[in-house]
């Protein structure tokens, strides 16, 4: 398991190229970010290459899966995002399902499944894996449709595509449903990336109620070889906070 720093949260407001320097300074070898269309991707990845940093993931340019009327927009956005990921040598794209439309949940659920099944043909042979991310609607993303990792895993089982997996955000799932370690143990085969932050607060991992050392030990013991994203908003100095996480938890 290797750790990936979300430069847009940990180094919020900082020039992305300067943020990459900080990632390297803190002793990490991987990074991720959110939107790609508002960035100079050529400059970003030239800088990353000069620092021997790997980009693990960034977000798709469209997010609405639970509304069939928006499906074509989603798929067109996915096509251009896959092309951007391939050019950057990035293997993962992050997607959410969209805001709750008010339609019955079974209808929205079926729309997400259908949208992901349509996405499978775009992903096939691309070397890119799409990550479906449930979010918490109680604190950070009020009105979001997909909150439950349990429903997320159900959706993935219905879609049945090896290029579509779950992004398990421990912070979001602690707020939404808890029972973190058991859920990871039961569903690791469908998890291809993790996110993390202290809960409550979404700050450093050593803050809040979660025992991240135990979480890390469990995931490693299960044989997980992927990336684990640090996606939090610092209360402490960002560099010092990352070094403390590196030295005391990882």
Protein backbone atom coordinates (compact mmCIF):
# COMPACT_ATOMS: atom_id res chain seq x y z
CA UNK A 1 0.00 0.00 0.00
CA UNK A 2 1.30 3.42 -0.96
CA UNK A 3 0.02 6.82 0.10
CA UNK A 4 -1.20 9.55 -2.23
CA UNK A 5 -1.57 13.22 -1.26
CA UNK A 6 -4.58 15.19 -2.49
CA UNK A 7 -2.87 18.46 -3.31
CA UNK A 8 -6.10 20.43 -3.55
CA UNK A 9 -7.17 19.71 0.02
CA UNK A 10 -3.88 19.32 1.89
CA UNK A 11 -2.30 22.29 0.09
CA UNK A 12 -5.49 24.21 -0.66
CA UNK A 13 -4.97 27.54 -2.39
CA UNK A 14 -1.37 26.73 -3.29
CA UNK A 15 -0.13 26.70 -6.86
CA UNK A 16 -0.30 23.01 -7.94
CA UNK A 17 3.35 23.01 -9.06
CA UNK A 18 4.45 24.30 -5.66
CA UNK A 19 2.22 21.72 -3.98
CA UNK A 20 4.05 18.95 -5.81
CA UNK A 21 7.32 20.25 -4.35
CA UNK A 22 5.78 19.94 -0.88
CA UNK A 23 4.63 16.37 -1.55
CA UNK A 24 8.21 15.47 -2.45
CA UNK A 25 9.59 17.34 0.56
CA UNK A 26 7.36 15.32 2.89
CA UNK A 27 8.71 12.04 1.53
CA UNK A 28 5.69 10.90 -0.47
CA UNK A 29 5.82 9.62 -4.05
CA UNK A 30 2.22 10.00 -5.26
CA UNK A 31 -0.41 12.71 -5.57
CA UNK A 32 -3.96 13.24 -6.76
CA UNK A 33 -6.31 16.13 -7.34
CA UNK A 34 -9.92 16.96 -8.20
CA UNK A 35 -10.75 18.78 -11.43
CA UNK A 36 -8.47 18.54 -14.46
CA UNK A 37 -10.07 20.94 -16.93
CA UNK A 38 -9.05 24.02 -14.95
CA UNK A 39 -5.36 23.02 -14.81
CA UNK A 40 -2.36 23.27 -17.09
CA UNK A 41 -2.02 19.51 -17.35
CA UNK A 42 1.13 19.65 -19.46
CA UNK A 43 2.93 21.82 -16.90
CA UNK A 44 1.62 19.77 -13.99
CA UNK A 45 2.82 16.46 -15.34
CA UNK A 46 6.13 17.85 -16.54
CA UNK A 47 6.72 19.00 -12.97
CA UNK A 48 5.59 15.65 -11.57
CA UNK A 49 8.00 13.81 -13.86
CA UNK A 50 10.87 16.04 -12.75
CA UNK A 51 10.13 15.09 -9.14
CA UNK A 52 9.52 11.38 -9.90
CA UNK A 53 5.96 11.69 -8.58
CA UNK A 54 3.09 9.44 -9.69
CA UNK A 55 -0.44 10.76 -10.23
CA UNK A 56 -2.91 8.25 -8.86
CA UNK A 57 -6.28 9.83 -9.64
CA UNK A 58 -8.31 12.85 -10.64
CA UNK A 59 -12.02 13.45 -11.21
CA UNK A 60 -14.17 13.00 -14.27
CA UNK A 61 -15.49 16.19 -15.85
CA UNK A 62 -19.16 15.14 -15.41
CA UNK A 63 -20.77 13.50 -12.40
CA UNK A 64 -24.48 12.86 -12.93
CA UNK A 65 -25.28 9.15 -13.20
CA UNK A 66 -28.63 8.99 -11.44
CA UNK A 67 -30.55 10.99 -14.05
CA UNK A 68 -31.00 9.23 -17.43
CA UNK A 69 -31.52 12.59 -19.14
CA UNK A 70 -27.92 13.51 -18.27
CA UNK A 71 -26.36 10.21 -19.34
CA UNK A 72 -25.04 11.32 -22.70
CA UNK A 73 -23.34 14.31 -21.06
CA UNK A 74 -21.78 11.97 -18.51
CA UNK A 75 -20.49 9.57 -21.13
CA UNK A 76 -19.05 12.34 -23.30
CA UNK A 77 -17.33 13.76 -20.23
CA UNK A 78 -15.98 10.33 -19.41
CA UNK A 79 -14.53 9.91 -22.89
CA UNK A 80 -12.54 13.14 -22.63
CA UNK A 81 -11.51 12.37 -19.05
CA UNK A 82 -10.24 8.90 -20.03
CA UNK A 83 -8.23 10.52 -22.83
CA UNK A 84 -6.75 13.00 -20.35
CA UNK A 85 -5.93 10.24 -17.89
CA UNK A 86 -4.21 8.13 -20.53
CA UNK A 87 -2.14 11.08 -21.73
CA UNK A 88 -1.09 11.76 -18.13
CA UNK A 89 -0.38 8.11 -17.36
CA UNK A 90 -2.97 8.16 -14.57
CA UNK A 91 -4.82 4.91 -13.92
CA UNK A 92 -7.88 6.08 -11.97
CA UNK A 93 -10.77 8.49 -12.49
CA UNK A 94 -13.05 9.48 -9.62
CA UNK A 95 -16.80 9.89 -10.15
CA UNK A 96 -19.82 10.51 -7.97
CA UNK A 97 -23.42 9.61 -8.76
CA UNK A 98 -25.01 13.07 -8.59
CA UNK A 99 -27.46 14.95 -6.40
CA UNK A 100 -30.72 13.25 -5.46
CA UNK A 101 -33.22 14.19 -8.16
CA UNK A 102 -36.28 13.50 -6.01
CA UNK A 103 -37.29 10.51 -8.13
CA UNK A 104 -37.88 7.24 -6.30
CA UNK A 105 -34.59 5.69 -5.21
CA UNK A 106 -35.07 2.49 -7.19
CA UNK A 107 -35.31 4.56 -10.39
CA UNK A 108 -32.14 6.50 -9.56
CA UNK A 109 -30.34 3.30 -8.58
CA UNK A 110 -31.20 1.70 -11.92
CA UNK A 111 -30.00 4.82 -13.72
CA UNK A 112 -26.61 4.65 -12.00
CA UNK A 113 -26.27 0.99 -12.94
CA UNK A 114 -27.27 1.65 -16.54
CA UNK A 115 -24.89 4.59 -16.80
CA UNK A 116 -21.98 2.57 -15.49
CA UNK A 117 -22.78 -0.32 -17.82
CA UNK A 118 -22.64 2.16 -20.72
CA UNK A 119 -19.35 3.52 -19.33
CA UNK A 120 -17.81 0.04 -19.38
CA UNK A 121 -17.31 0.10 -23.15
CA UNK A 122 -15.45 3.43 -22.89
CA UNK A 123 -13.15 2.04 -20.20
CA UNK A 124 -12.48 -1.28 -21.91
CA UNK A 125 -8.86 -1.56 -23.00
CA UNK A 126 -8.04 1.95 -21.76
CA UNK A 127 -6.01 0.95 -18.72
CA UNK A 128 -8.17 3.34 -16.69
CA UNK A 129 -10.39 2.29 -13.78
CA UNK A 130 -13.45 4.35 -12.87
CA UNK A 131 -13.93 4.87 -9.13
CA UNK A 132 -17.49 5.37 -7.86
CA UNK A 133 -17.38 7.39 -4.64
CA UNK A 134 -20.21 7.53 -2.08
CA UNK A 135 -20.28 10.81 -0.14
CA UNK A 136 -21.81 11.79 3.19
CA UNK A 137 -24.95 13.89 2.88
CA UNK A 138 -25.12 14.77 6.57
CA UNK A 139 -22.22 17.22 6.79
CA UNK A 140 -20.31 17.90 3.56
CA UNK A 141 -22.54 17.00 0.60
CA UNK A 142 -26.14 17.67 1.55
CA UNK A 143 -28.50 16.31 -1.11
CA UNK A 144 -26.13 13.76 -2.61
CA UNK A 145 -27.76 10.58 -3.92
CA UNK A 146 -25.20 7.88 -3.13
CA UNK A 147 -24.15 7.89 0.52
CA UNK A 148 -23.97 4.21 1.40
CA UNK A 149 -20.98 2.04 0.53
CA UNK A 150 -23.34 -0.93 0.85
CA UNK A 151 -25.42 0.43 -2.03
CA UNK A 152 -22.23 1.25 -3.87
CA UNK A 153 -21.06 -2.36 -3.66
CA UNK A 154 -24.51 -3.53 -4.76
CA UNK A 155 -24.29 -1.26 -7.80
CA UNK A 156 -20.86 -2.61 -8.71
CA UNK A 157 -22.09 -6.19 -8.43
CA UNK A 158 -24.96 -5.37 -10.78
CA UNK A 159 -22.63 -3.66 -13.27
CA UNK A 160 -20.06 -6.45 -13.22
CA UNK A 161 -17.14 -4.57 -14.81
CA UNK A 162 -13.55 -5.03 -13.62
CA UNK A 163 -12.74 -1.47 -14.73
CA UNK A 164 -15.32 0.01 -12.33
CA UNK A 165 -14.65 -0.15 -8.60
CA UNK A 166 -15.45 1.74 -5.40
CA UNK A 167 -13.51 4.56 -3.88
CA UNK A 168 -13.99 3.91 -0.16
CA UNK A 169 -13.68 7.24 1.63
CA UNK A 170 -13.25 6.36 5.30
CA UNK A 171 -14.18 9.85 6.46
CA UNK A 172 -17.46 9.90 4.50
CA UNK A 173 -18.39 6.35 5.49
CA UNK A 174 -17.65 6.96 9.16
CA UNK A 175 -20.28 9.71 9.10
CA UNK A 176 -22.76 7.80 6.94
CA UNK A 177 -22.63 4.27 8.33
CA UNK A 178 -19.54 3.51 10.46
CA UNK A 179 -18.44 -0.12 10.90
CA UNK A 180 -15.40 0.77 8.80
CA UNK A 181 -13.09 -2.21 9.27
CA UNK A 182 -15.77 -4.87 8.82
CA UNK A 183 -17.04 -3.22 5.63
CA UNK A 184 -13.53 -3.08 4.20
CA UNK A 185 -12.85 -6.71 5.13
CA UNK A 186 -16.08 -7.85 3.49
CA UNK A 187 -15.70 -5.87 0.28
CA UNK A 188 -12.03 -5.31 -0.49
CA UNK A 189 -12.30 -7.04 -3.87
CA UNK A 190 -14.51 -4.15 -5.04
CA UNK A 191 -12.34 -1.37 -3.56
CA UNK A 192 -9.60 0.10 -5.75
CA UNK A 193 -8.75 3.28 -3.83
CA UNK A 194 -9.21 4.82 -0.38
CA UNK A 195 -9.61 8.37 0.90
CA UNK A 196 -9.18 9.48 4.47
CA UNK A 197 -9.51 12.37 6.92
CA UNK A 198 -10.02 12.76 10.65
CA UNK A 199 -13.64 12.57 11.77
CA UNK A 200 -15.27 14.79 12.86
CA UNK A 201 -13.73 17.86 11.24
CA UNK A 202 -12.14 16.42 8.09
CA UNK A 203 -8.73 17.43 9.38
CA UNK A 204 -5.49 15.50 9.95
CA UNK A 205 -5.77 11.75 10.40
CA UNK A 206 -4.45 11.93 13.97
CA UNK A 207 -7.42 14.09 14.95
CA UNK A 208 -10.91 12.77 15.69
CA UNK A 209 -12.33 9.42 16.68
CA UNK A 210 -10.86 7.08 14.05
CA UNK A 211 -7.94 4.77 14.87
CA UNK A 212 -6.14 5.05 11.54
CA UNK A 213 -3.19 2.98 12.68
CA UNK A 214 -5.55 0.04 13.17
CA UNK A 215 -7.27 0.75 9.84
CA UNK A 216 -3.92 0.76 8.03
CA UNK A 217 -2.83 -2.47 9.72
CA UNK A 218 -6.08 -4.15 8.69
CA UNK A 219 -5.89 -3.06 5.05
CA UNK A 220 -2.25 -4.13 4.77
CA UNK A 221 -3.04 -7.49 6.36
CA UNK A 222 -5.68 -8.09 3.67
CA UNK A 223 -3.01 -7.79 0.99
CA UNK A 224 -4.16 -4.49 -0.50
CA UNK A 225 -1.49 -3.22 -2.91
CA UNK A 226 -3.17 -0.05 -4.19
CA UNK A 227 -3.06 3.60 -3.20
CA UNK A 228 -4.45 5.20 -0.08
CA UNK A 229 -5.36 8.86 -0.52
CA UNK A 230 -4.83 11.48 2.19
CA UNK A 231 -7.63 13.94 1.44
CA UNK A 232 -8.08 16.24 4.41
CA UNK A 233 -8.11 19.95 5.26
CA UNK A 234 -5.24 20.78 7.61
CA UNK A 235 -5.59 22.58 10.90
CA UNK A 236 -1.85 22.34 11.50
CA UNK A 237 0.94 23.40 9.17
CA UNK A 238 0.41 21.18 6.09
CA UNK A 239 4.02 20.02 5.83
CA UNK A 240 4.38 19.34 9.54
CA UNK A 241 1.03 17.54 9.60
CA UNK A 242 1.99 15.27 6.72
CA UNK A 243 5.32 14.46 8.34
CA UNK A 244 3.56 13.60 11.59
CA UNK A 245 1.17 11.26 9.75
CA UNK A 246 4.12 9.71 7.94
CA UNK A 247 6.13 9.17 11.13
CA UNK A 248 3.42 8.22 13.63
CA UNK A 249 0.68 6.42 11.70
CA UNK A 250 1.98 4.95 8.46
